[in-house]
Amino acid sequence: MWTTLAATVGGSAAGLTFIVVAFRFDVVATSQEYRNRAAQTVSLFLTTTVTASLVTLPQPTWALGVELLVAAAVSASLLSVLDHAARRGTSQYARPILVVALVVFAAGIAAAGLFATVGSTNGMGFYAASSLLGLMWGVYGTWVFLTQAGADQINAVANVHDQLGTVPAA
């Protein structure tokens, strides 16, 4: 019953994964924060793709549950480490909306996994909500990279050129 949703969401996430870095590699390559934020977005897409693959595999429900629990734990750990790495060397605190979104994402996958480990598919709604959240948050992260990444560097250069007596380099 859930395989059509999983295939659709997983295929979408897989297709969007390359966009994160490919179109703004110039900015991502120059910033530790952007590299780690891009890695977070890729992790969301990959977790969504991997869990979608697990849901579509013919296997016992309890095995799917164990796999979803492992995927949730690995994803939550990776997303947390990447968030910390993105903020390293700055005075930034974790953004509450980001923390909530990432916790809800991993918790939904874990909840579906818990239901499945006891042989019940009643928790697959949690999987569906998490996979859609992961897809939407990943698209938002991609949008930020496409439209905002590097803007601070461009603005800093423009401010230098706007200062009185500054001549732009040829």
Protein backbone atom coordinates (compact mmCIF):
# COMPACT_ATOMS: atom_id res chain seq x y z
CA MET A 1 0.00 0.00 0.00
CA TRP A 2 2.85 2.42 0.77
CA THR A 3 5.12 1.43 -2.10
CA THR A 4 3.66 3.93 -4.59
CA LEU A 5 4.21 6.85 -2.22
CA ALA A 6 7.68 5.59 -1.34
CA ALA A 7 8.65 5.18 -5.00
CA THR A 8 7.37 8.66 -5.86
CA VAL A 9 9.02 10.44 -2.94
CA GLY A 10 12.23 8.42 -3.21
CA GLY A 11 12.53 9.09 -6.92
CA SER A 12 11.94 12.79 -6.40
CA ALA A 13 14.56 12.98 -3.64
CA ALA A 14 17.08 11.05 -5.73
CA GLY A 15 16.53 13.35 -8.67
CA LEU A 16 16.95 16.49 -6.58
CA THR A 17 20.09 15.35 -4.76
CA PHE A 18 22.57 16.49 -7.40
CA ILE A 19 21.07 20.00 -7.66
CA VAL A 20 22.25 20.97 -4.18
CA VAL A 21 25.92 21.14 -5.02
CA ALA A 22 26.05 21.06 -8.81
CA PHE A 23 24.61 24.49 -9.48
CA ARG A 24 26.43 26.40 -6.73
CA PHE A 25 29.65 24.43 -6.40
CA ASP A 26 31.66 27.66 -6.56
CA VAL A 27 30.12 28.89 -3.30
CA VAL A 28 29.88 25.53 -1.55
CA ALA A 29 33.56 24.82 -2.18
CA THR A 30 34.69 28.05 -0.51
CA SER A 31 32.74 27.89 2.74
CA GLN A 32 32.80 25.36 5.57
CA GLU A 33 29.29 26.39 6.57
CA TYR A 34 27.90 26.00 3.06
CA ARG A 35 29.63 22.63 2.59
CA ASN A 36 28.05 21.30 5.77
CA ARG A 37 24.62 22.79 5.01
CA ALA A 38 24.77 21.28 1.52
CA ALA A 39 25.73 17.95 3.09
CA GLN A 40 22.71 18.23 5.41
CA THR A 41 20.42 18.77 2.43
CA VAL A 42 21.97 15.85 0.58
CA SER A 43 21.57 13.73 3.74
CA LEU A 44 17.86 14.57 3.87
CA PHE A 45 17.44 13.56 0.24
CA LEU A 46 19.51 10.39 0.66
CA THR A 47 17.68 9.33 3.83
CA THR A 48 14.38 9.88 2.02
CA THR A 49 15.63 7.86 -0.96
CA VAL A 50 17.06 5.02 1.15
CA THR A 51 13.98 4.71 3.37
CA ALA A 52 11.76 4.78 0.27
CA SER A 53 13.80 1.91 -1.15
CA LEU A 54 13.41 -0.02 2.09
CA VAL A 55 9.64 0.45 2.06
CA THR A 56 9.37 -0.82 -1.52
CA LEU A 57 11.44 -3.96 -0.88
CA PRO A 58 9.44 -7.13 -0.35
CA GLN A 59 10.43 -8.20 3.17
CA PRO A 60 8.93 -9.04 6.55
CA THR A 61 7.43 -6.04 8.35
CA TRP A 62 9.68 -6.53 11.39
CA ALA A 63 12.78 -6.36 9.16
CA LEU A 64 11.55 -3.09 7.64
CA GLY A 65 11.08 -1.80 11.19
CA VAL A 66 14.66 -2.57 12.16
CA GLU A 67 15.95 -0.97 8.96
CA LEU A 68 13.88 2.18 9.50
CA LEU A 69 15.14 2.46 13.09
CA VAL A 70 18.74 2.18 11.90
CA ALA A 71 18.12 4.71 9.12
CA ALA A 72 16.55 7.16 11.58
CA ALA A 73 19.45 6.82 14.04
CA VAL A 74 22.11 7.22 11.35
CA SER A 75 20.30 10.16 9.77
CA ALA A 76 19.73 11.97 13.09
CA SER A 77 23.38 11.51 14.04
CA LEU A 78 24.67 12.69 10.69
CA LEU A 79 22.35 15.71 10.54
CA SER A 80 23.36 16.72 14.06
CA VAL A 81 27.09 16.40 13.36
CA LEU A 82 26.73 18.40 10.13
CA ASP A 83 24.78 21.14 11.90
CA HIS A 84 27.46 21.41 14.57
CA ALA A 85 30.19 21.46 11.91
CA ALA A 86 28.39 24.21 9.99
CA ARG A 87 28.35 26.39 13.10
CA ARG A 88 31.95 25.60 14.13
CA GLY A 89 34.08 28.68 14.50
CA THR A 90 31.08 31.02 14.64
CA SER A 91 28.93 32.38 17.42
CA GLN A 92 25.80 30.99 15.79
CA TYR A 93 23.38 28.90 17.78
CA ALA A 94 21.31 26.11 16.30
CA ARG A 95 18.27 27.55 14.54
CA PRO A 96 15.15 26.29 16.37
CA ILE A 97 13.14 25.73 13.18
CA LEU A 98 15.96 23.64 11.73
CA VAL A 99 16.30 21.59 14.91
CA VAL A 100 12.53 20.96 15.07
CA ALA A 101 12.35 19.96 11.40
CA LEU A 102 15.29 17.56 11.66
CA VAL A 103 14.04 16.01 14.93
CA VAL A 104 10.52 15.54 13.53
CA PHE A 105 12.00 14.05 10.34
CA ALA A 106 14.07 11.43 12.17
CA ALA A 107 11.41 10.80 14.85
CA GLY A 108 8.75 10.04 12.24
CA ILE A 109 10.96 7.46 10.57
CA ALA A 110 11.79 5.97 13.98
CA ALA A 111 8.09 5.85 14.95
CA ALA A 112 7.24 4.00 11.73
CA GLY A 113 10.13 1.65 12.49
CA LEU A 114 8.87 0.97 16.02
CA PHE A 115 5.41 0.05 14.76
CA ALA A 116 6.88 -2.15 12.04
CA THR A 117 9.20 -4.04 14.43
CA VAL A 118 6.10 -5.45 16.14
CA GLY A 119 4.57 -6.38 12.80
CA SER A 120 2.17 -3.44 12.42
CA THR A 121 1.94 -1.16 9.39
CA ASN A 122 -0.23 1.31 11.33
CA GLY A 123 2.79 3.60 11.80
CA MET A 124 3.48 4.08 8.11
CA GLY A 125 1.68 7.43 8.27
CA PHE A 126 4.66 8.62 10.32
CA TYR A 127 6.95 7.44 7.53
CA ALA A 128 4.83 9.26 4.93
CA ALA A 129 4.86 12.52 6.90
CA SER A 130 8.63 12.27 7.51
CA SER A 131 9.46 11.48 3.91
CA LEU A 132 7.40 14.43 2.71
CA LEU A 133 8.98 16.67 5.36
CA GLY A 134 12.45 15.52 4.29
CA LEU A 135 11.62 16.21 0.67
CA MET A 136 10.16 19.67 1.41
CA TRP A 137 12.99 20.67 3.76
CA GLY A 138 15.53 19.46 1.22
CA VAL A 139 13.84 21.52 -1.51
CA TYR A 140 13.92 24.54 0.81
CA GLY A 141 17.63 23.97 1.47
CA THR A 142 18.25 23.67 -2.26
CA TRP A 143 16.33 26.90 -2.88
CA VAL A 144 18.48 28.68 -0.28
CA PHE A 145 21.63 27.47 -2.05
CA LEU A 146 20.39 28.51 -5.46
CA THR A 147 19.22 31.97 -4.39
CA GLN A 148 21.13 33.02 -1.27
CA ALA A 149 24.39 31.11 -0.98
CA GLY A 150 27.29 33.42 -1.57
CA ALA A 151 25.18 36.57 -1.31
CA ASP A 152 27.09 37.62 1.80
CA GLN A 153 30.39 37.31 -0.10
CA ILE A 154 29.03 39.26 -3.07
CA ASN A 155 27.64 41.97 -0.76
CA ALA A 156 30.97 42.26 1.06
CA VAL A 157 32.79 42.82 -2.24
CA ALA A 158 30.15 45.35 -3.34
CA ASN A 159 30.49 47.24 -0.03
CA VAL A 160 34.24 47.51 -0.48
CA HIS A 161 33.75 48.93 -3.98
CA ASP A 162 31.12 51.39 -2.72
CA GLN A 163 33.48 52.94 -0.19
CA LEU A 164 34.70 56.38 -1.11
CA GLY A 165 37.89 56.28 -3.13
CA THR A 166 37.74 52.56 -3.89
CA VAL A 167 38.42 51.67 -7.48
CA PRO A 168 37.05 48.33 -8.67
CA ALA A 169 39.73 45.88 -9.80
CA ALA A 170 39.81 45.13 -13.51
